[in-house]
N, C-alpha and C. Protein backbone atom coordinates (compact mmCIF):
# COMPACT_ATOMS: atom_id res chain seq x y z
N MET A 1 -21.61 -74.02 62.40
CA MET A 1 -20.34 -73.90 61.72
C MET A 1 -19.67 -72.60 62.16
N ASP A 2 -18.38 -72.63 62.34
CA ASP A 2 -17.60 -71.47 62.75
C ASP A 2 -17.50 -70.51 61.57
N ASN A 3 -18.09 -69.33 61.68
CA ASN A 3 -18.14 -68.36 60.58
C ASN A 3 -16.76 -67.82 60.19
N ARG A 4 -15.77 -68.00 61.04
CA ARG A 4 -14.43 -67.50 60.72
C ARG A 4 -13.83 -68.24 59.52
N PHE A 5 -14.31 -69.44 59.26
CA PHE A 5 -13.67 -70.28 58.25
C PHE A 5 -14.52 -70.50 57.00
N THR A 6 -15.67 -69.87 56.94
CA THR A 6 -16.56 -70.09 55.78
C THR A 6 -15.93 -69.61 54.47
N ASP A 7 -15.12 -68.55 54.54
CA ASP A 7 -14.47 -68.08 53.31
C ASP A 7 -13.51 -69.13 52.75
N ILE A 8 -12.83 -69.85 53.63
CA ILE A 8 -11.92 -70.91 53.19
C ILE A 8 -12.71 -72.03 52.53
N ILE A 9 -13.85 -72.40 53.10
CA ILE A 9 -14.72 -73.43 52.52
C ILE A 9 -15.16 -72.99 51.13
N LYS A 10 -15.53 -71.73 50.98
CA LYS A 10 -15.94 -71.21 49.67
C LYS A 10 -14.80 -71.31 48.65
N LEU A 11 -13.58 -70.99 49.09
CA LEU A 11 -12.42 -71.08 48.20
C LEU A 11 -12.18 -72.52 47.75
N ILE A 12 -12.30 -73.45 48.68
CA ILE A 12 -12.11 -74.87 48.36
C ILE A 12 -13.15 -75.32 47.34
N LYS A 13 -14.41 -74.98 47.61
CA LYS A 13 -15.49 -75.39 46.70
C LYS A 13 -15.32 -74.75 45.32
N GLN A 14 -14.93 -73.48 45.27
CA GLN A 14 -14.73 -72.82 43.99
C GLN A 14 -13.59 -73.47 43.22
N SER A 15 -12.53 -73.81 43.93
CA SER A 15 -11.39 -74.47 43.29
C SER A 15 -11.79 -75.84 42.73
N ARG A 16 -12.57 -76.58 43.48
CA ARG A 16 -13.07 -77.89 42.99
C ARG A 16 -13.91 -77.71 41.74
N THR A 17 -14.80 -76.72 41.75
CA THR A 17 -15.64 -76.45 40.59
C THR A 17 -14.79 -76.10 39.38
N ASN A 18 -13.78 -75.26 39.58
CA ASN A 18 -12.89 -74.88 38.48
C ASN A 18 -12.13 -76.09 37.94
N ALA A 19 -11.70 -76.98 38.84
CA ALA A 19 -10.98 -78.18 38.40
C ALA A 19 -11.88 -79.08 37.57
N ILE A 20 -13.10 -79.25 38.00
CA ILE A 20 -14.06 -80.09 37.26
C ILE A 20 -14.31 -79.50 35.87
N LYS A 21 -14.47 -78.18 35.81
CA LYS A 21 -14.69 -77.52 34.51
C LYS A 21 -13.49 -77.72 33.59
N ALA A 22 -12.30 -77.61 34.15
CA ALA A 22 -11.08 -77.77 33.34
C ALA A 22 -10.95 -79.20 32.82
N VAL A 23 -11.24 -80.17 33.68
CA VAL A 23 -11.19 -81.58 33.26
C VAL A 23 -12.23 -81.84 32.18
N ASN A 24 -13.44 -81.31 32.36
CA ASN A 24 -14.49 -81.50 31.37
C ASN A 24 -14.10 -80.89 30.03
N ALA A 25 -13.56 -79.68 30.05
CA ALA A 25 -13.14 -79.03 28.80
C ALA A 25 -12.06 -79.85 28.10
N GLU A 26 -11.13 -80.40 28.86
CA GLU A 26 -10.07 -81.21 28.27
C GLU A 26 -10.63 -82.51 27.70
N LEU A 27 -11.59 -83.10 28.38
CA LEU A 27 -12.23 -84.32 27.89
C LEU A 27 -12.97 -84.05 26.57
N ILE A 28 -13.70 -82.95 26.51
CA ILE A 28 -14.40 -82.58 25.28
C ILE A 28 -13.38 -82.32 24.16
N ASN A 29 -12.26 -81.67 24.50
CA ASN A 29 -11.19 -81.47 23.50
C ASN A 29 -10.67 -82.80 22.98
N LEU A 30 -10.46 -83.74 23.88
CA LEU A 30 -9.99 -85.07 23.48
C LEU A 30 -10.98 -85.73 22.53
N TYR A 31 -12.26 -85.73 22.89
CA TYR A 31 -13.28 -86.35 22.04
C TYR A 31 -13.36 -85.65 20.68
N TRP A 32 -13.24 -84.33 20.69
CA TRP A 32 -13.24 -83.56 19.45
C TRP A 32 -12.06 -83.99 18.57
N ASN A 33 -10.87 -84.04 19.16
CA ASN A 33 -9.66 -84.39 18.40
C ASN A 33 -9.71 -85.82 17.86
N ILE A 34 -10.22 -86.74 18.67
CA ILE A 34 -10.36 -88.12 18.19
C ILE A 34 -11.38 -88.17 17.06
N GLY A 35 -12.50 -87.48 17.24
CA GLY A 35 -13.52 -87.43 16.18
C GLY A 35 -12.98 -86.84 14.90
N GLU A 36 -12.19 -85.77 15.02
CA GLU A 36 -11.58 -85.14 13.84
C GLU A 36 -10.61 -86.10 13.16
N TYR A 37 -9.79 -86.77 13.95
CA TYR A 37 -8.80 -87.70 13.41
C TYR A 37 -9.48 -88.83 12.63
N ILE A 38 -10.48 -89.44 13.24
CA ILE A 38 -11.21 -90.54 12.60
C ILE A 38 -11.91 -90.04 11.33
N SER A 39 -12.57 -88.89 11.44
CA SER A 39 -13.29 -88.33 10.30
C SER A 39 -12.34 -88.09 9.12
N ASN A 40 -11.19 -87.49 9.41
CA ASN A 40 -10.22 -87.21 8.35
C ASN A 40 -9.68 -88.49 7.72
N LYS A 41 -9.37 -89.49 8.53
CA LYS A 41 -8.85 -90.76 8.00
C LYS A 41 -9.88 -91.43 7.08
N ILE A 42 -11.13 -91.41 7.49
CA ILE A 42 -12.18 -92.04 6.67
C ILE A 42 -12.44 -91.20 5.41
N GLU A 43 -12.47 -89.88 5.57
CA GLU A 43 -12.72 -89.00 4.43
C GLU A 43 -11.63 -89.12 3.37
N LEU A 44 -10.40 -89.31 3.81
CA LEU A 44 -9.29 -89.45 2.87
C LEU A 44 -9.12 -90.89 2.37
N SER A 45 -10.06 -91.73 2.74
CA SER A 45 -10.07 -93.14 2.36
C SER A 45 -8.84 -93.91 2.86
N GLU A 46 -8.23 -93.40 3.92
CA GLU A 46 -7.12 -94.12 4.53
C GLU A 46 -7.63 -95.23 5.44
N TRP A 47 -8.82 -95.01 5.97
CA TRP A 47 -9.45 -96.00 6.84
C TRP A 47 -10.83 -96.35 6.30
N GLY A 48 -11.20 -97.62 6.47
CA GLY A 48 -12.57 -98.03 6.21
C GLY A 48 -13.32 -98.06 7.53
N ASP A 49 -14.60 -98.32 7.45
CA ASP A 49 -15.43 -98.35 8.66
C ASP A 49 -14.96 -99.38 9.68
N SER A 50 -14.44 -100.49 9.22
CA SER A 50 -14.03 -101.56 10.14
C SER A 50 -12.81 -101.18 10.97
N VAL A 51 -12.04 -100.19 10.53
CA VAL A 51 -10.84 -99.78 11.27
C VAL A 51 -11.22 -99.20 12.63
N VAL A 52 -12.38 -98.57 12.73
CA VAL A 52 -12.80 -98.00 14.02
C VAL A 52 -13.01 -99.13 15.04
N THR A 53 -13.58 -100.23 14.61
CA THR A 53 -13.74 -101.39 15.49
C THR A 53 -12.38 -101.94 15.89
N GLU A 54 -11.47 -102.00 14.93
CA GLU A 54 -10.10 -102.45 15.23
C GLU A 54 -9.43 -101.51 16.23
N LEU A 55 -9.62 -100.21 16.08
CA LEU A 55 -9.06 -99.21 16.99
C LEU A 55 -9.60 -99.43 18.41
N ALA A 56 -10.90 -99.64 18.53
CA ALA A 56 -11.50 -99.88 19.84
C ALA A 56 -10.89 -101.11 20.50
N LYS A 57 -10.71 -102.17 19.73
CA LYS A 57 -10.10 -103.40 20.26
C LYS A 57 -8.65 -103.16 20.65
N PHE A 58 -7.92 -102.40 19.83
CA PHE A 58 -6.52 -102.08 20.12
C PHE A 58 -6.40 -101.33 21.44
N ILE A 59 -7.25 -100.34 21.64
CA ILE A 59 -7.23 -99.57 22.89
C ILE A 59 -7.54 -100.48 24.07
N GLN A 60 -8.54 -101.33 23.91
CA GLN A 60 -8.94 -102.24 24.99
C GLN A 60 -7.83 -103.22 25.36
N ILE A 61 -7.12 -103.74 24.37
CA ILE A 61 -6.05 -104.71 24.62
C ILE A 61 -4.80 -104.04 25.21
N HIS A 62 -4.40 -102.92 24.62
CA HIS A 62 -3.14 -102.29 25.02
C HIS A 62 -3.26 -101.35 26.22
N GLU A 63 -4.44 -100.84 26.46
CA GLU A 63 -4.67 -99.94 27.59
C GLU A 63 -6.00 -100.31 28.26
N PRO A 64 -6.07 -101.49 28.90
CA PRO A 64 -7.35 -101.98 29.43
C PRO A 64 -7.96 -101.09 30.52
N GLU A 65 -7.13 -100.27 31.19
CA GLU A 65 -7.66 -99.41 32.23
C GLU A 65 -8.36 -98.17 31.67
N ILE A 66 -8.16 -97.87 30.38
CA ILE A 66 -8.82 -96.73 29.75
C ILE A 66 -10.22 -97.16 29.31
N LYS A 67 -11.21 -96.50 29.85
CA LYS A 67 -12.61 -96.84 29.54
C LYS A 67 -13.25 -95.75 28.67
N GLY A 68 -14.32 -96.11 27.99
CA GLY A 68 -15.09 -95.14 27.22
C GLY A 68 -14.71 -95.03 25.75
N PHE A 69 -13.92 -95.99 25.25
CA PHE A 69 -13.48 -95.90 23.87
C PHE A 69 -13.91 -97.13 23.07
N SER A 70 -15.16 -97.52 23.26
CA SER A 70 -15.73 -98.61 22.46
C SER A 70 -15.92 -98.09 21.04
N ASP A 71 -16.16 -99.00 20.11
CA ASP A 71 -16.38 -98.55 18.72
C ASP A 71 -17.59 -97.62 18.64
N LYS A 72 -18.60 -97.92 19.43
CA LYS A 72 -19.80 -97.07 19.44
C LYS A 72 -19.45 -95.65 19.89
N ASN A 73 -18.66 -95.52 20.96
CA ASN A 73 -18.27 -94.19 21.44
C ASN A 73 -17.33 -93.49 20.47
N LEU A 74 -16.46 -94.23 19.82
CA LEU A 74 -15.58 -93.62 18.82
C LEU A 74 -16.39 -93.06 17.65
N TRP A 75 -17.43 -93.79 17.23
CA TRP A 75 -18.31 -93.28 16.17
C TRP A 75 -19.03 -92.02 16.63
N ARG A 76 -19.43 -91.98 17.93
CA ARG A 76 -20.09 -90.78 18.47
C ARG A 76 -19.14 -89.58 18.43
N MET A 77 -17.88 -89.81 18.74
CA MET A 77 -16.89 -88.74 18.70
C MET A 77 -16.75 -88.19 17.28
N LYS A 78 -16.74 -89.09 16.31
CA LYS A 78 -16.68 -88.69 14.91
C LYS A 78 -17.92 -87.88 14.55
N GLN A 79 -19.08 -88.35 14.96
CA GLN A 79 -20.33 -87.65 14.69
C GLN A 79 -20.34 -86.28 15.38
N PHE A 80 -19.84 -86.21 16.59
CA PHE A 80 -19.75 -84.96 17.35
C PHE A 80 -18.91 -83.94 16.58
N TYR A 81 -17.75 -84.36 16.15
CA TYR A 81 -16.88 -83.47 15.38
C TYR A 81 -17.56 -83.02 14.09
N GLU A 82 -18.12 -83.95 13.35
CA GLU A 82 -18.73 -83.62 12.07
C GLU A 82 -19.97 -82.74 12.22
N THR A 83 -20.67 -82.88 13.33
CA THR A 83 -21.85 -82.06 13.57
C THR A 83 -21.48 -80.60 13.79
N TYR A 84 -20.40 -80.36 14.51
CA TYR A 84 -20.07 -78.99 14.92
C TYR A 84 -18.88 -78.35 14.20
N LYS A 85 -18.19 -79.06 13.34
CA LYS A 85 -16.97 -78.51 12.73
C LYS A 85 -17.22 -77.24 11.93
N VAL A 86 -18.42 -77.08 11.41
CA VAL A 86 -18.73 -75.88 10.63
C VAL A 86 -19.34 -74.76 11.48
N PHE A 87 -19.36 -74.95 12.81
CA PHE A 87 -19.90 -73.95 13.72
C PHE A 87 -18.87 -73.56 14.78
N PRO A 88 -17.80 -72.88 14.38
CA PRO A 88 -16.73 -72.56 15.33
C PRO A 88 -17.19 -71.69 16.50
N LYS A 89 -18.25 -70.90 16.31
CA LYS A 89 -18.74 -70.05 17.40
C LYS A 89 -19.31 -70.87 18.57
N LEU A 90 -19.71 -72.10 18.29
CA LEU A 90 -20.26 -72.95 19.35
C LEU A 90 -19.17 -73.70 20.11
N SER A 91 -17.96 -73.61 19.63
CA SER A 91 -16.85 -74.37 20.19
C SER A 91 -16.69 -74.15 21.70
N THR A 92 -16.79 -72.93 22.15
CA THR A 92 -16.65 -72.64 23.58
C THR A 92 -17.78 -73.26 24.38
N LEU A 93 -18.99 -73.12 23.89
CA LEU A 93 -20.15 -73.69 24.59
C LEU A 93 -20.04 -75.20 24.73
N LEU A 94 -19.56 -75.87 23.70
CA LEU A 94 -19.44 -77.32 23.73
C LEU A 94 -18.57 -77.78 24.90
N ARG A 95 -17.56 -76.99 25.20
CA ARG A 95 -16.59 -77.36 26.23
C ARG A 95 -17.06 -76.98 27.64
N GLU A 96 -18.16 -76.26 27.73
CA GLU A 96 -18.66 -75.82 29.03
C GLU A 96 -19.77 -76.72 29.58
N ILE A 97 -20.19 -77.69 28.80
CA ILE A 97 -21.18 -78.66 29.29
C ILE A 97 -20.59 -80.06 29.17
N SER A 98 -21.19 -80.99 29.86
CA SER A 98 -20.64 -82.35 29.91
C SER A 98 -20.83 -83.09 28.59
N TRP A 99 -20.08 -84.20 28.47
CA TRP A 99 -20.19 -85.05 27.29
C TRP A 99 -21.61 -85.60 27.16
N SER A 100 -22.22 -86.00 28.26
CA SER A 100 -23.58 -86.55 28.18
C SER A 100 -24.56 -85.48 27.69
N HIS A 101 -24.39 -84.23 28.11
CA HIS A 101 -25.23 -83.14 27.61
C HIS A 101 -25.02 -82.96 26.11
N ASN A 102 -23.75 -82.91 25.71
CA ASN A 102 -23.43 -82.77 24.29
C ASN A 102 -24.02 -83.91 23.47
N LEU A 103 -23.87 -85.10 23.98
CA LEU A 103 -24.38 -86.28 23.29
C LEU A 103 -25.89 -86.19 23.08
N ALA A 104 -26.61 -85.81 24.12
CA ALA A 104 -28.07 -85.67 24.01
C ALA A 104 -28.43 -84.61 22.98
N ILE A 105 -27.73 -83.51 22.99
CA ILE A 105 -28.07 -82.40 22.08
C ILE A 105 -27.74 -82.75 20.64
N PHE A 106 -26.54 -83.22 20.35
CA PHE A 106 -26.21 -83.44 18.93
C PHE A 106 -26.88 -84.67 18.36
N SER A 107 -27.27 -85.61 19.20
CA SER A 107 -27.92 -86.81 18.64
C SER A 107 -29.44 -86.66 18.54
N ARG A 108 -30.03 -85.76 19.32
CA ARG A 108 -31.49 -85.65 19.33
C ARG A 108 -32.04 -84.42 18.61
N CYS A 109 -31.22 -83.41 18.42
CA CYS A 109 -31.69 -82.17 17.79
C CYS A 109 -31.49 -82.25 16.28
N LYS A 110 -32.44 -81.70 15.56
CA LYS A 110 -32.46 -81.87 14.11
C LYS A 110 -31.74 -80.76 13.35
N THR A 111 -31.69 -79.56 13.91
CA THR A 111 -31.11 -78.43 13.19
C THR A 111 -30.00 -77.78 14.01
N ALA A 112 -29.17 -77.01 13.33
CA ALA A 112 -28.10 -76.27 14.01
C ALA A 112 -28.69 -75.25 14.98
N GLU A 113 -29.78 -74.62 14.59
CA GLU A 113 -30.44 -73.63 15.44
C GLU A 113 -30.94 -74.28 16.74
N GLU A 114 -31.52 -75.46 16.62
CA GLU A 114 -32.01 -76.17 17.80
C GLU A 114 -30.84 -76.59 18.70
N ARG A 115 -29.76 -77.09 18.11
CA ARG A 115 -28.60 -77.47 18.91
C ARG A 115 -28.03 -76.27 19.65
N LYS A 116 -27.91 -75.14 18.95
CA LYS A 116 -27.40 -73.91 19.57
C LYS A 116 -28.30 -73.48 20.73
N PHE A 117 -29.60 -73.57 20.55
CA PHE A 117 -30.57 -73.20 21.58
C PHE A 117 -30.33 -74.02 22.85
N TYR A 118 -30.24 -75.35 22.71
CA TYR A 118 -30.07 -76.21 23.89
C TYR A 118 -28.67 -76.10 24.50
N LEU A 119 -27.66 -75.86 23.68
CA LEU A 119 -26.31 -75.64 24.22
C LEU A 119 -26.30 -74.41 25.12
N LYS A 120 -26.85 -73.31 24.60
CA LYS A 120 -26.87 -72.07 25.38
C LYS A 120 -27.72 -72.23 26.64
N LEU A 121 -28.88 -72.86 26.49
CA LEU A 121 -29.77 -73.04 27.62
C LEU A 121 -29.16 -73.93 28.70
N SER A 122 -28.50 -75.00 28.28
CA SER A 122 -27.85 -75.90 29.25
C SER A 122 -26.81 -75.16 30.07
N LYS A 123 -26.03 -74.35 29.41
CA LYS A 123 -25.00 -73.58 30.10
C LYS A 123 -25.62 -72.51 30.99
N GLN A 124 -26.53 -71.73 30.41
CA GLN A 124 -27.15 -70.61 31.11
C GLN A 124 -27.93 -71.06 32.34
N GLU A 125 -28.68 -72.14 32.22
CA GLU A 125 -29.55 -72.59 33.31
C GLU A 125 -28.90 -73.67 34.17
N SER A 126 -27.68 -74.06 33.84
CA SER A 126 -26.97 -75.14 34.56
C SER A 126 -27.84 -76.39 34.68
N TYR A 127 -28.42 -76.79 33.56
CA TYR A 127 -29.30 -77.96 33.54
C TYR A 127 -28.56 -79.23 33.92
N SER A 128 -29.22 -80.05 34.71
CA SER A 128 -28.74 -81.42 34.92
C SER A 128 -29.05 -82.17 33.62
N PHE A 129 -28.45 -83.34 33.46
CA PHE A 129 -28.74 -84.12 32.26
C PHE A 129 -30.22 -84.46 32.20
N ARG A 130 -30.78 -84.84 33.34
CA ARG A 130 -32.20 -85.21 33.39
C ARG A 130 -33.10 -84.06 32.95
N GLU A 131 -32.78 -82.84 33.41
CA GLU A 131 -33.59 -81.67 33.05
C GLU A 131 -33.44 -81.35 31.56
N LEU A 132 -32.22 -81.44 31.05
CA LEU A 132 -32.01 -81.21 29.61
C LEU A 132 -32.81 -82.22 28.80
N ASP A 133 -32.74 -83.47 29.18
CA ASP A 133 -33.47 -84.53 28.48
C ASP A 133 -34.97 -84.25 28.52
N ARG A 134 -35.45 -83.81 29.66
CA ARG A 134 -36.88 -83.50 29.81
C ARG A 134 -37.28 -82.34 28.90
N GLN A 135 -36.43 -81.31 28.84
CA GLN A 135 -36.74 -80.14 28.00
C GLN A 135 -36.74 -80.50 26.51
N ILE A 136 -35.79 -81.34 26.10
CA ILE A 136 -35.77 -81.76 24.70
C ILE A 136 -37.00 -82.60 24.39
N SER A 137 -37.33 -83.54 25.28
CA SER A 137 -38.51 -84.39 25.08
C SER A 137 -39.80 -83.58 25.06
N ALA A 138 -39.82 -82.49 25.83
CA ALA A 138 -41.01 -81.64 25.89
C ALA A 138 -41.04 -80.60 24.77
N SER A 139 -40.06 -80.68 23.86
CA SER A 139 -40.00 -79.78 22.69
C SER A 139 -39.94 -78.31 23.08
N LEU A 140 -39.13 -77.98 24.07
CA LEU A 140 -39.01 -76.60 24.51
C LEU A 140 -38.59 -75.68 23.35
N PHE A 141 -37.68 -76.13 22.52
CA PHE A 141 -37.24 -75.31 21.39
C PHE A 141 -38.42 -74.96 20.48
N GLU A 142 -39.19 -75.96 20.09
CA GLU A 142 -40.33 -75.72 19.21
C GLU A 142 -41.35 -74.80 19.86
N ARG A 143 -41.63 -75.04 21.14
CA ARG A 143 -42.61 -74.20 21.84
C ARG A 143 -42.12 -72.77 21.95
N THR A 144 -40.82 -72.58 22.18
CA THR A 144 -40.26 -71.24 22.27
C THR A 144 -40.34 -70.54 20.92
N MET A 145 -40.03 -71.26 19.85
CA MET A 145 -40.08 -70.66 18.51
C MET A 145 -41.51 -70.29 18.14
N ILE A 146 -42.46 -71.13 18.49
CA ILE A 146 -43.88 -70.82 18.22
C ILE A 146 -44.30 -69.60 19.01
N GLY A 147 -43.90 -69.56 20.29
CA GLY A 147 -44.22 -68.41 21.13
C GLY A 147 -43.60 -67.13 20.61
N ASN A 148 -42.37 -67.22 20.13
CA ASN A 148 -41.69 -66.04 19.60
C ASN A 148 -42.31 -65.58 18.29
N SER A 149 -42.80 -66.51 17.48
CA SER A 149 -43.38 -66.11 16.19
C SER A 149 -44.70 -65.38 16.38
N ASN A 150 -45.32 -65.55 17.55
CA ASN A 150 -46.57 -64.85 17.83
C ASN A 150 -46.35 -63.41 18.29
N LEU A 151 -45.11 -63.04 18.58
CA LEU A 151 -44.81 -61.67 18.96
C LEU A 151 -44.79 -60.79 17.71
N SER A 152 -45.06 -59.53 17.90
CA SER A 152 -45.01 -58.62 16.76
C SER A 152 -43.57 -58.48 16.27
N THR A 153 -43.41 -58.09 15.02
CA THR A 153 -42.08 -57.94 14.43
C THR A 153 -41.27 -56.92 15.22
N THR A 154 -41.91 -55.85 15.66
CA THR A 154 -41.22 -54.80 16.42
C THR A 154 -40.64 -55.37 17.71
N LEU A 155 -41.42 -56.16 18.43
CA LEU A 155 -40.93 -56.74 19.68
C LEU A 155 -39.81 -57.74 19.44
N ARG A 156 -39.93 -58.57 18.41
CA ARG A 156 -38.90 -59.56 18.12
C ARG A 156 -37.58 -58.90 17.73
N GLU A 157 -37.66 -57.75 17.06
CA GLU A 157 -36.45 -57.08 16.58
C GLU A 157 -35.83 -56.15 17.60
N SER A 158 -36.51 -55.95 18.74
CA SER A 158 -35.94 -55.07 19.76
C SER A 158 -34.68 -55.70 20.33
N LYS A 159 -33.81 -54.88 20.87
CA LYS A 159 -32.53 -55.37 21.37
C LYS A 159 -32.67 -56.11 22.69
N HIS A 160 -33.77 -55.93 23.37
CA HIS A 160 -33.97 -56.60 24.65
C HIS A 160 -34.44 -58.03 24.43
N ASP A 161 -34.02 -58.92 25.31
CA ASP A 161 -34.44 -60.31 25.20
C ASP A 161 -35.76 -60.49 25.94
N ILE A 162 -36.84 -60.07 25.27
CA ILE A 162 -38.16 -60.15 25.90
C ILE A 162 -39.00 -61.24 25.26
N SER A 163 -38.39 -62.08 24.47
CA SER A 163 -39.13 -63.04 23.68
C SER A 163 -40.05 -63.93 24.51
N ASN A 164 -39.70 -64.22 25.74
CA ASN A 164 -40.56 -65.08 26.54
C ASN A 164 -41.07 -64.38 27.79
N THR A 165 -41.04 -63.07 27.80
CA THR A 165 -41.47 -62.31 28.96
C THR A 165 -42.99 -62.38 29.13
N PHE A 166 -43.71 -62.37 28.03
CA PHE A 166 -45.16 -62.28 28.10
C PHE A 166 -45.87 -63.61 28.27
N LYS A 167 -45.18 -64.67 27.99
CA LYS A 167 -45.87 -65.95 27.98
C LYS A 167 -44.95 -67.03 28.51
N ASP A 168 -45.33 -67.64 29.62
CA ASP A 168 -44.59 -68.79 30.12
C ASP A 168 -45.14 -70.03 29.45
N SER A 169 -44.29 -70.98 29.27
CA SER A 169 -44.69 -72.22 28.63
C SER A 169 -44.62 -73.34 29.65
N TYR A 170 -45.63 -74.14 29.73
CA TYR A 170 -45.68 -75.22 30.69
C TYR A 170 -45.96 -76.54 29.99
N VAL A 171 -45.48 -77.62 30.56
CA VAL A 171 -45.71 -78.94 30.01
C VAL A 171 -46.60 -79.70 30.98
N PHE A 172 -47.75 -80.14 30.51
CA PHE A 172 -48.70 -80.86 31.36
C PHE A 172 -48.99 -82.26 30.82
N LYS A 173 -47.96 -82.92 30.31
CA LYS A 173 -48.16 -84.26 29.74
C LYS A 173 -48.74 -85.23 30.76
N PHE A 174 -48.39 -85.04 32.03
CA PHE A 174 -48.84 -85.96 33.07
C PHE A 174 -50.35 -85.90 33.28
N LEU A 175 -51.03 -84.89 32.73
CA LEU A 175 -52.48 -84.78 32.88
C LEU A 175 -53.23 -85.59 31.82
N ASN A 176 -52.54 -86.09 30.83
CA ASN A 176 -53.14 -86.88 29.74
C ASN A 176 -54.31 -86.15 29.09
N LEU A 177 -54.11 -84.89 28.77
CA LEU A 177 -55.15 -84.11 28.12
C LEU A 177 -55.12 -84.36 26.62
N PRO A 178 -56.28 -84.24 25.96
CA PRO A 178 -56.29 -84.41 24.51
C PRO A 178 -55.59 -83.21 23.85
N GLU A 179 -55.05 -83.43 22.66
CA GLU A 179 -54.42 -82.33 21.91
C GLU A 179 -55.34 -81.93 20.78
N PRO A 180 -55.67 -80.72 20.60
CA PRO A 180 -55.53 -79.60 21.53
C PRO A 180 -56.55 -79.73 22.65
N HIS A 181 -56.36 -78.97 23.71
CA HIS A 181 -57.29 -79.01 24.83
C HIS A 181 -57.71 -77.60 25.20
N SER A 182 -58.87 -77.51 25.80
CA SER A 182 -59.40 -76.20 26.18
C SER A 182 -58.90 -75.83 27.57
N GLU A 183 -59.08 -74.58 27.92
CA GLU A 183 -58.67 -74.11 29.24
C GLU A 183 -59.47 -74.81 30.33
N SER A 184 -60.76 -75.08 30.07
CA SER A 184 -61.58 -75.77 31.08
C SER A 184 -61.11 -77.21 31.27
N GLU A 185 -60.66 -77.89 30.21
CA GLU A 185 -60.11 -79.25 30.34
C GLU A 185 -58.81 -79.21 31.15
N LEU A 186 -58.02 -78.21 30.93
CA LEU A 186 -56.78 -78.05 31.70
C LEU A 186 -57.10 -77.83 33.17
N GLN A 187 -58.05 -76.98 33.44
CA GLN A 187 -58.42 -76.70 34.83
C GLN A 187 -58.93 -77.96 35.51
N ARG A 188 -59.77 -78.74 34.82
CA ARG A 188 -60.27 -80.01 35.40
C ARG A 188 -59.12 -80.97 35.68
N GLY A 189 -58.17 -81.06 34.74
CA GLY A 189 -57.03 -81.94 34.91
C GLY A 189 -56.17 -81.55 36.10
N LEU A 190 -56.03 -80.26 36.35
CA LEU A 190 -55.22 -79.80 37.47
C LEU A 190 -55.92 -79.99 38.81
N VAL A 191 -57.23 -79.87 38.83
CA VAL A 191 -57.98 -79.97 40.09
C VAL A 191 -58.15 -81.42 40.51
N MET A 192 -58.29 -82.32 39.57
CA MET A 192 -58.54 -83.71 39.92
C MET A 192 -57.36 -84.41 40.49
């Protein structure tokens, strides 16, 4: 490749990345606004549950080229809004990850703390959907909390983020080890 033009290639790629981020943020805003609208209509008893199905059919009939607005997805948008409406500090994070990431987090995580953990981690580590799904399935949040609770109070309260410096956490489900397992069982599983 001609090195004279690599800076231009970098500019093009950065611009594409920025455009994708902007489109994603706008899409999340749209889903948030639709979820808020539906939630408010139902909460005020202006709409019953069946109206969401009617809305999905209306969109399909009048705008057939618009995809992704089935009754199931409209209910997810409502759930998305209702899950996060009381957590305005997470609003920015929600818009920095994809809808599929958001969907996995708010539908699979049980607490606000767990959702916040995976939102931050997805953004910070640039997780693919597959990696996020794997981390949630492997209970990374629970393992991290258990690991952090084993630290002394002084270390946990320090201003430095050293919570996982001393202990890495690994998932060895593929070894089919019994729970709990000894270090020698782990070693045998890895060698075989």
